[in-house]
Protein backbone atom coordinates (compact mmCIF):
# COMPACT_ATOMS: atom_id res chain seq x y z
CA UNK A 1 0.00 0.00 0.00
CA UNK A 2 1.34 3.44 -0.89
CA UNK A 3 2.26 5.88 1.85
CA UNK A 4 -0.52 8.32 1.00
CA UNK A 5 -3.06 5.49 1.06
CA UNK A 6 -1.83 4.43 4.51
CA UNK A 7 -2.03 8.01 5.76
CA UNK A 8 -5.53 8.46 4.34
CA UNK A 9 -6.61 5.22 6.07
CA UNK A 10 -5.12 6.46 9.35
CA UNK A 11 -6.93 9.80 9.00
CA UNK A 12 -10.23 8.04 8.38
CA UNK A 13 -9.77 5.52 11.19
CA UNK A 14 -8.79 8.15 13.76
CA UNK A 15 -10.95 11.03 12.50
CA UNK A 16 -7.79 13.16 12.42
CA UNK A 17 -7.41 16.15 10.14
CA UNK A 18 -4.69 16.13 7.50
CA UNK A 19 -3.09 19.24 9.01
CA UNK A 20 -2.97 17.72 12.48
CA UNK A 21 -1.39 14.54 11.13
CA UNK A 22 1.28 16.50 9.26
CA UNK A 23 2.04 18.63 12.29
CA UNK A 24 2.37 15.63 14.60
CA UNK A 25 4.18 13.28 12.22
CA UNK A 26 6.70 15.63 10.62
CA UNK A 27 6.09 19.12 11.97
CA UNK A 28 4.54 20.31 8.68
CA UNK A 29 0.80 21.01 8.66
CA UNK A 30 0.79 21.05 4.83
CA UNK A 31 2.49 17.66 4.50
CA UNK A 32 -0.58 15.58 3.59
CA UNK A 33 -2.01 18.31 1.39
CA UNK A 34 1.30 18.50 -0.47
CA UNK A 35 1.39 14.69 -0.83
CA UNK A 36 -2.06 14.85 -2.38
CA UNK A 37 -0.69 17.40 -4.86
CA UNK A 38 2.21 15.12 -5.84
CA UNK A 39 4.93 15.96 -3.33
CA UNK A 40 7.62 13.29 -3.08
CA UNK A 41 9.07 13.32 0.43
CA UNK A 42 12.71 12.71 1.25
CA UNK A 43 13.83 9.44 2.80
CA UNK A 44 14.23 11.00 6.27
CA UNK A 45 10.70 12.39 6.11
CA UNK A 46 9.39 8.97 5.09
CA UNK A 47 11.19 7.45 8.07
CA UNK A 48 9.56 9.98 10.41
CA UNK A 49 6.11 9.24 9.00
CA UNK A 50 6.69 5.48 9.29
CA UNK A 51 7.85 5.90 12.89
CA UNK A 52 4.79 7.99 13.72
CA UNK A 53 2.39 5.48 12.14
CA UNK A 54 4.12 2.64 14.00
CA UNK A 55 3.78 4.51 17.30
CA UNK A 56 0.00 4.87 17.12
CA UNK A 57 -2.49 2.03 17.22
CA UNK A 58 -5.45 2.12 14.84
CA UNK A 59 -8.39 3.85 16.46
CA UNK A 60 -6.34 5.31 19.28
CA UNK A 61 -7.92 8.68 20.06
CA UNK A 62 -5.15 10.16 22.21
CA UNK A 63 -3.15 11.17 19.11
CA UNK A 64 -5.76 13.51 17.68
C-alpha atoms as a PDB file:
ATOM      1  CA  UNK A   1       0.000   0.000   0.000  1.00  0.00           C
ATOM      2  CA  UNK A   2       1.338   3.442  -0.887  1.00  0.00           C
ATOM      3  CA  UNK A   3       2.264   5.884   1.847  1.00  0.00           C
ATOM      4  CA  UNK A   4      -0.520   8.322   1.001  1.00  0.00           C
ATOM      5  CA  UNK A   5      -3.057   5.485   1.062  1.00  0.00           C
ATOM      6  CA  UNK A   6      -1.826   4.432   4.506  1.00  0.00           C
ATOM      7  CA  UNK A   7      -2.026   8.006   5.762  1.00  0.00           C
ATOM      8  CA  UNK A   8      -5.534   8.456   4.340  1.00  0.00           C
ATOM      9  CA  UNK A   9      -6.615   5.222   6.072  1.00  0.00           C
ATOM     10  CA  UNK A  10      -5.125   6.462   9.350  1.00  0.00           C
ATOM     11  CA  UNK A  11      -6.930   9.802   8.998  1.00  0.00           C
ATOM     12  CA  UNK A  12     -10.229   8.035   8.379  1.00  0.00           C
ATOM     13  CA  UNK A  13      -9.766   5.517  11.193  1.00  0.00           C
ATOM     14  CA  UNK A  14      -8.791   8.152  13.763  1.00  0.00           C
ATOM     15  CA  UNK A  15     -10.946  11.031  12.501  1.00  0.00           C
ATOM     16  CA  UNK A  16      -7.794  13.157  12.420  1.00  0.00           C
ATOM     17  CA  UNK A  17      -7.407  16.147  10.138  1.00  0.00           C
ATOM     18  CA  UNK A  18      -4.690  16.135   7.499  1.00  0.00           C
ATOM     19  CA  UNK A  19      -3.089  19.235   9.006  1.00  0.00           C
ATOM     20  CA  UNK A  20      -2.965  17.718  12.483  1.00  0.00           C
ATOM     21  CA  UNK A  21      -1.386  14.544  11.131  1.00  0.00           C
ATOM     22  CA  UNK A  22       1.280  16.501   9.260  1.00  0.00           C
ATOM     23  CA  UNK A  23       2.045  18.625  12.286  1.00  0.00           C
ATOM     24  CA  UNK A  24       2.367  15.627  14.602  1.00  0.00           C
ATOM     25  CA  UNK A  25       4.179  13.277  12.223  1.00  0.00           C
ATOM     26  CA  UNK A  26       6.699  15.626  10.616  1.00  0.00           C
ATOM     27  CA  UNK A  27       6.091  19.123  11.966  1.00  0.00           C
ATOM     28  CA  UNK A  28       4.545  20.309   8.678  1.00  0.00           C
ATOM     29  CA  UNK A  29       0.803  21.010   8.659  1.00  0.00           C
ATOM     30  CA  UNK A  30       0.790  21.051   4.829  1.00  0.00           C
ATOM     31  CA  UNK A  31       2.491  17.664   4.502  1.00  0.00           C
ATOM     32  CA  UNK A  32      -0.585  15.583   3.592  1.00  0.00           C
ATOM     33  CA  UNK A  33      -2.011  18.314   1.387  1.00  0.00           C
ATOM     34  CA  UNK A  34       1.300  18.501  -0.469  1.00  0.00           C
ATOM     35  CA  UNK A  35       1.392  14.691  -0.832  1.00  0.00           C
ATOM     36  CA  UNK A  36      -2.062  14.850  -2.384  1.00  0.00           C
ATOM     37  CA  UNK A  37      -0.687  17.395  -4.865  1.00  0.00           C
ATOM     38  CA  UNK A  38       2.207  15.119  -5.838  1.00  0.00           C
ATOM     39  CA  UNK A  39       4.932  15.962  -3.332  1.00  0.00           C
ATOM     40  CA  UNK A  40       7.616  13.290  -3.082  1.00  0.00           C
ATOM     41  CA  UNK A  41       9.067  13.322   0.433  1.00  0.00           C
ATOM     42  CA  UNK A  42      12.709  12.712   1.251  1.00  0.00           C
ATOM     43  CA  UNK A  43      13.829   9.443   2.800  1.00  0.00           C
ATOM     44  CA  UNK A  44      14.234  11.003   6.273  1.00  0.00           C
ATOM     45  CA  UNK A  45      10.698  12.389   6.108  1.00  0.00           C
ATOM     46  CA  UNK A  46       9.386   8.970   5.093  1.00  0.00           C
ATOM     47  CA  UNK A  47      11.185   7.451   8.072  1.00  0.00           C
ATOM     48  CA  UNK A  48       9.556   9.983  10.407  1.00  0.00           C
ATOM     49  CA  UNK A  49       6.105   9.235   9.003  1.00  0.00           C
ATOM     50  CA  UNK A  50       6.689   5.484   9.287  1.00  0.00           C
ATOM     51  CA  UNK A  51       7.846   5.903  12.889  1.00  0.00           C
ATOM     52  CA  UNK A  52       4.789   7.988  13.718  1.00  0.00           C
ATOM     53  CA  UNK A  53       2.393   5.478  12.144  1.00  0.00           C
ATOM     54  CA  UNK A  54       4.120   2.639  14.000  1.00  0.00           C
ATOM     55  CA  UNK A  55       3.782   4.511  17.299  1.00  0.00           C
ATOM     56  CA  UNK A  56       0.003   4.872  17.122  1.00  0.00           C
ATOM     57  CA  UNK A  57      -2.489   2.034  17.224  1.00  0.00           C
ATOM     58  CA  UNK A  58      -5.448   2.119  14.841  1.00  0.00           C
ATOM     59  CA  UNK A  59      -8.394   3.849  16.464  1.00  0.00           C
ATOM     60  CA  UNK A  60      -6.336   5.305  19.283  1.00  0.00           C
ATOM     61  CA  UNK A  61      -7.921   8.679  20.057  1.00  0.00           C
ATOM     62  CA  UNK A  62      -5.151  10.165  22.209  1.00  0.00           C
ATOM     63  CA  UNK A  63      -3.149  11.174  19.111  1.00  0.00           C
ATOM     64  CA  UNK A  64      -5.760  13.506  17.676  1.00  0.00           C
END
